[in-house]
């Protein structure tokens, strides 16, 4: 039999924190003309700062 999942405060807190994360994928062009992609998970409040840093 499958074990039932409990939905306590801890589980709900983890789900709420996961929804506040944003995945950013930044592309950079290499010397040989190919593109390199880098992905990172960032807090939703820090997205603007990360995008400014990626553009420069």
PDB file of N, CA and C in Angstrom:
ATOM      1  N   UNK A   1       0.834  -1.184   0.000  1.00  0.00           N
ATOM      2  CA  UNK A   1       0.000   0.000   0.000  1.00  0.00           C
ATOM      3  C   UNK A   1       0.878   1.248   0.000  1.00  0.00           C
ATOM      4  N   UNK A   2       0.385   2.255  -0.628  1.00  0.00           N
ATOM      5  CA  UNK A   2       1.127   3.513  -0.702  1.00  0.00           C
ATOM      6  C   UNK A   2       0.933   4.307   0.582  1.00  0.00           C
ATOM      7  N   UNK A   3       1.990   4.984   0.958  1.00  0.00           N
ATOM      8  CA  UNK A   3       1.936   5.810   2.159  1.00  0.00           C
ATOM      9  C   UNK A   3       1.285   7.147   1.806  1.00  0.00           C
ATOM     10  N   UNK A   4       0.377   7.596   2.649  1.00  0.00           N
ATOM     11  CA  UNK A   4      -0.277   8.870   2.408  1.00  0.00           C
ATOM     12  C   UNK A   4       0.683  10.010   2.733  1.00  0.00           C
ATOM     13  N   UNK A   5       0.619  11.054   1.927  1.00  0.00           N
ATOM     14  CA  UNK A   5       1.480  12.211   2.139  1.00  0.00           C
ATOM     15  C   UNK A   5       0.789  13.179   3.094  1.00  0.00           C
ATOM     16  N   UNK A   6       1.541  13.626   4.062  1.00  0.00           N
ATOM     17  CA  UNK A   6       0.973  14.573   5.012  1.00  0.00           C
ATOM     18  C   UNK A   6       1.216  15.991   4.521  1.00  0.00           C
ATOM     19  N   UNK A   7       0.254  16.838   4.697  1.00  0.00           N
ATOM     20  CA  UNK A   7       0.365  18.232   4.295  1.00  0.00           C
ATOM     21  C   UNK A   7       0.370  19.099   5.540  1.00  0.00           C
ATOM     22  N   UNK A   8       1.507  19.144   6.178  1.00  0.00           N
ATOM     23  CA  UNK A   8       1.654  19.966   7.359  1.00  0.00           C
ATOM     24  C   UNK A   8       2.231  21.322   6.999  1.00  0.00           C
ATOM     25  N   UNK A   9       2.574  22.077   8.005  1.00  0.00           N
ATOM     26  CA  UNK A   9       3.141  23.409   7.793  1.00  0.00           C
ATOM     27  C   UNK A   9       4.458  23.336   7.045  1.00  0.00           C
ATOM     28  N   UNK A  10       5.257  22.323   7.328  1.00  0.00           N
ATOM     29  CA  UNK A  10       6.572  22.193   6.689  1.00  0.00           C
ATOM     30  C   UNK A  10       6.435  21.973   5.185  1.00  0.00           C
ATOM     31  N   UNK A  11       5.532  21.118   4.777  1.00  0.00           N
ATOM     32  CA  UNK A  11       5.339  20.814   3.364  1.00  0.00           C
ATOM     33  C   UNK A  11       4.780  22.024   2.632  1.00  0.00           C
ATOM     34  N   UNK A  12       3.826  22.710   3.225  1.00  0.00           N
ATOM     35  CA  UNK A  12       3.244  23.890   2.594  1.00  0.00           C
ATOM     36  C   UNK A  12       4.262  25.018   2.482  1.00  0.00           C
ATOM     37  N   UNK A  13       5.143  25.152   3.468  1.00  0.00           N
ATOM     38  CA  UNK A  13       6.184  26.174   3.437  1.00  0.00           C
ATOM     39  C   UNK A  13       7.167  25.896   2.302  1.00  0.00           C
ATOM     40  N   UNK A  14       7.523  24.631   2.109  1.00  0.00           N
ATOM     41  CA  UNK A  14       8.447  24.264   1.030  1.00  0.00           C
ATOM     42  C   UNK A  14       7.829  24.538  -0.337  1.00  0.00           C
ATOM     43  N   UNK A  15       6.547  24.267  -0.490  1.00  0.00           N
ATOM     44  CA  UNK A  15       5.881  24.532  -1.757  1.00  0.00           C
ATOM     45  C   UNK A  15       5.833  26.026  -2.043  1.00  0.00           C
ATOM     46  N   UNK A  16       5.582  26.836  -1.028  1.00  0.00           N
ATOM     47  CA  UNK A  16       5.522  28.286  -1.208  1.00  0.00           C
ATOM     48  C   UNK A  16       6.884  28.846  -1.580  1.00  0.00           C
ATOM     49  N   UNK A  17       7.961  28.324  -0.986  1.00  0.00           N
ATOM     50  CA  UNK A  17       9.306  28.790  -1.304  1.00  0.00           C
ATOM     51  C   UNK A  17       9.692  28.407  -2.726  1.00  0.00           C
ATOM     52  N   UNK A  18       9.279  27.247  -3.185  1.00  0.00           N
ATOM     53  CA  UNK A  18       9.605  26.802  -4.531  1.00  0.00           C
ATOM     54  C   UNK A  18       8.911  27.664  -5.582  1.00  0.00           C
ATOM     55  N   UNK A  19       7.743  28.180  -5.277  1.00  0.00           N
ATOM     56  CA  UNK A  19       7.016  29.008  -6.222  1.00  0.00           C
ATOM     57  C   UNK A  19       7.623  30.402  -6.343  1.00  0.00           C
ATOM     58  N   UNK A  20       8.476  30.797  -5.412  1.00  0.00           N
ATOM     59  CA  UNK A  20       9.087  32.114  -5.444  1.00  0.00           C
ATOM     60  C   UNK A  20      10.427  32.106  -6.174  1.00  0.00           C
ATOM     61  N   UNK A  21      10.811  30.979  -6.739  1.00  0.00           N
ATOM     62  CA  UNK A  21      12.075  30.858  -7.452  1.00  0.00           C
ATOM     63  C   UNK A  21      11.832  31.045  -8.956  1.00  0.00           C
ATOM     64  N   UNK A  22      12.824  31.622  -9.640  1.00  0.00           N
ATOM     65  CA  UNK A  22      12.748  31.854 -11.076  1.00  0.00           C
ATOM     66  C   UNK A  22      13.995  31.260 -11.724  1.00  0.00           C
ATOM     67  N   UNK A  23      13.819  30.598 -12.848  1.00  0.00           N
ATOM     68  CA  UNK A  23      14.963  30.034 -13.562  1.00  0.00           C
ATOM     69  C   UNK A  23      15.366  31.004 -14.671  1.00  0.00           C
ATOM     70  N   UNK A  24      16.630  31.430 -14.635  1.00  0.00           N
ATOM     71  CA  UNK A  24      17.159  32.353 -15.632  1.00  0.00           C
ATOM     72  C   UNK A  24      18.158  31.597 -16.497  1.00  0.00           C
ATOM     73  N   UNK A  25      17.997  31.721 -17.814  1.00  0.00           N
ATOM     74  CA  UNK A  25      18.920  31.108 -18.753  1.00  0.00           C
ATOM     75  C   UNK A  25      19.604  32.226 -19.527  1.00  0.00           C
ATOM     76  N   UNK A  26      20.920  32.339 -19.379  1.00  0.00           N
ATOM     77  CA  UNK A  26      21.690  33.383 -20.039  1.00  0.00           C
ATOM     78  C   UNK A  26      22.564  32.767 -21.115  1.00  0.00           C
ATOM     79  N   UNK A  27      22.594  33.401 -22.292  1.00  0.00           N
ATOM     80  CA  UNK A  27      23.404  32.922 -23.407  1.00  0.00           C
ATOM     81  C   UNK A  27      24.595  33.850 -23.605  1.00  0.00           C
ATOM     82  N   UNK A  28      25.759  33.255 -23.847  1.00  0.00           N
ATOM     83  CA  UNK A  28      26.954  34.023 -24.176  1.00  0.00           C
ATOM     84  C   UNK A  28      27.572  33.437 -25.438  1.00  0.00           C
ATOM     85  N   UNK A  29      28.079  34.319 -26.276  1.00  0.00           N
ATOM     86  CA  UNK A  29      28.676  33.881 -27.528  1.00  0.00           C
ATOM     87  C   UNK A  29      30.168  33.645 -27.322  1.00  0.00           C
ATOM     88  N   UNK A  30      30.645  32.480 -27.765  1.00  0.00           N
ATOM     89  CA  UNK A  30      32.053  32.116 -27.626  1.00  0.00           C
ATOM     90  C   UNK A  30      32.859  32.679 -28.792  1.00  0.00           C
ATOM     91  N   UNK A  31      34.186  32.532 -28.713  1.00  0.00           N
ATOM     92  CA  UNK A  31      35.095  33.004 -29.755  1.00  0.00           C
ATOM     93  C   UNK A  31      34.833  32.314 -31.100  1.00  0.00           C
ATOM     94  N   UNK A  32      34.478  31.033 -31.046  1.00  0.00           N
ATOM     95  CA  UNK A  32      34.296  30.270 -32.292  1.00  0.00           C
ATOM     96  C   UNK A  32      32.905  30.455 -32.908  1.00  0.00           C
ATOM     97  N   UNK A  33      32.072  31.312 -32.334  1.00  0.00           N
ATOM     98  CA  UNK A  33      30.761  31.585 -32.909  1.00  0.00           C
ATOM     99  C   UNK A  33      29.628  30.776 -32.308  1.00  0.00           C
ATOM    100  N   UNK A  34      29.932  29.784 -31.490  1.00  0.00           N
ATOM    101  CA  UNK A  34      28.891  28.997 -30.836  1.00  0.00           C
ATOM    102  C   UNK A  34      28.391  29.715 -29.584  1.00  0.00           C
ATOM    103  N   UNK A  35      27.225  29.323 -29.144  1.00  0.00           N
ATOM    104  CA  UNK A  35      26.643  29.925 -27.953  1.00  0.00           C
ATOM    105  C   UNK A  35      26.743  28.982 -26.770  1.00  0.00           C
ATOM    106  N   UNK A  36      26.961  29.545 -25.610  1.00  0.00           N
ATOM    107  CA  UNK A  36      27.009  28.791 -24.367  1.00  0.00           C
ATOM    108  C   UNK A  36      25.844  29.250 -23.494  1.00  0.00           C
ATOM    109  N   UNK A  37      25.133  28.327 -22.899  1.00  0.00           N
ATOM    110  CA  UNK A  37      23.982  28.654 -22.073  1.00  0.00           C
ATOM    111  C   UNK A  37      24.268  28.313 -20.619  1.00  0.00           C
ATOM    112  N   UNK A  38      23.894  29.225 -19.742  1.00  0.00           N
ATOM    113  CA  UNK A  38      24.067  29.026 -18.306  1.00  0.00           C
ATOM    114  C   UNK A  38      22.710  29.248 -17.639  1.00  0.00           C
ATOM    115  N   UNK A  39      22.302  28.321 -16.817  1.00  0.00           N
ATOM    116  CA  UNK A  39      21.025  28.479 -16.124  1.00  0.00           C
ATOM    117  C   UNK A  39      21.255  28.524 -14.621  1.00  0.00           C
ATOM    118  N   UNK A  40      20.426  29.321 -13.954  1.00  0.00           N
ATOM    119  CA  UNK A  40      20.513  29.413 -12.500  1.00  0.00           C
ATOM    120  C   UNK A  40      19.140  29.721 -11.934  1.00  0.00           C
ATOM    121  N   UNK A  41      18.940  29.275 -10.719  1.00  0.00           N
ATOM    122  CA  UNK A  41      17.700  29.538 -10.003  1.00  0.00           C
ATOM    123  C   UNK A  41      17.927  30.743  -9.092  1.00  0.00           C
ATOM    124  N   UNK A  42      17.011  31.708  -9.161  1.00  0.00           N
ATOM    125  CA  UNK A  42      17.153  32.959  -8.433  1.00  0.00           C
ATOM    126  C   UNK A  42      15.838  33.261  -7.722  1.00  0.00           C
ATOM    127  N   UNK A  43      15.940  33.929  -6.590  1.00  0.00           N
ATOM    128  CA  UNK A  43      14.733  34.378  -5.892  1.00  0.00           C
ATOM    129  C   UNK A  43      14.005  35.390  -6.767  1.00  0.00           C
ATOM    130  N   UNK A  44      12.697  35.422  -6.651  1.00  0.00           N
ATOM    131  CA  UNK A  44      11.875  36.283  -7.483  1.00  0.00           C
ATOM    132  C   UNK A  44      12.210  37.762  -7.274  1.00  0.00           C
ATOM    133  N   UNK A  45      12.623  38.139  -6.088  1.00  0.00           N
ATOM    134  CA  UNK A  45      12.924  39.537  -5.803  1.00  0.00           C
ATOM    135  C   UNK A  45      14.255  39.980  -6.398  1.00  0.00           C
ATOM    136  N   UNK A  46      15.133  39.048  -6.780  1.00  0.00           N
ATOM    137  CA  UNK A  46      16.459  39.371  -7.289  1.00  0.00           C
ATOM    138  C   UNK A  46      16.575  39.264  -8.809  1.00  0.00           C
ATOM    139  N   UNK A  47      15.462  39.086  -9.503  1.00  0.00           N
ATOM    140  CA  UNK A  47      15.487  38.860 -10.951  1.00  0.00           C
ATOM    141  C   UNK A  47      16.035  40.077 -11.692  1.00  0.00           C
ATOM    142  N   UNK A  48      15.594  41.276 -11.344  1.00  0.00           N
ATOM    143  CA  UNK A  48      16.031  42.484 -12.052  1.00  0.00           C
ATOM    144  C   UNK A  48      17.543  42.671 -11.931  1.00  0.00           C
ATOM    145  N   UNK A  49      18.098  42.427 -10.749  1.00  0.00           N
ATOM    146  CA  UNK A  49      19.539  42.560 -10.554  1.00  0.00           C
ATOM    147  C   UNK A  49      20.310  41.555 -11.391  1.00  0.00           C
ATOM    148  N   UNK A  50      19.838  40.328 -11.453  1.00  0.00           N
ATOM    149  CA  UNK A  50      20.512  39.289 -12.229  1.00  0.00           C
ATOM    150  C   UNK A  50      20.462  39.581 -13.731  1.00  0.00           C
ATOM    151  N   UNK A  51      19.340  40.116 -14.200  1.00  0.00           N
ATOM    152  CA  UNK A  51      19.243  40.451 -15.623  1.00  0.00           C
ATOM    153  C   UNK A  51      20.171  41.597 -15.988  1.00  0.00           C
ATOM    154  N   UNK A  52      20.302  42.585 -15.113  1.00  0.00           N
ATOM    155  CA  UNK A  52      21.223  43.694 -15.362  1.00  0.00           C
ATOM    156  C   UNK A  52      22.665  43.180 -15.393  1.00  0.00           C
ATOM    157  N   UNK A  53      23.003  42.278 -14.492  1.00  0.00           N
ATOM    158  CA  UNK A  53      24.356  41.725 -14.442  1.00  0.00           C
ATOM    159  C   UNK A  53      24.646  40.868 -15.678  1.00  0.00           C
ATOM    160  N   UNK A  54      23.657  40.173 -16.180  1.00  0.00           N
ATOM    161  CA  UNK A  54      23.851  39.310 -17.338  1.00  0.00           C
ATOM    162  C   UNK A  54      24.047  40.114 -18.623  1.00  0.00           C
ATOM    163  N   UNK A  55      23.423  41.274 -18.697  1.00  0.00           N
ATOM    164  CA  UNK A  55      23.547  42.103 -19.905  1.00  0.00           C
ATOM    165  C   UNK A  55      24.907  42.764 -20.002  1.00  0.00           C
ATOM    166  N   UNK A  56      25.551  43.006 -18.874  1.00  0.00           N
ATOM    167  CA  UNK A  56      26.846  43.681 -18.925  1.00  0.00           C
ATOM    168  C   UNK A  56      28.007  42.735 -18.992  1.00  0.00           C
TER     169      UNK A  56
END
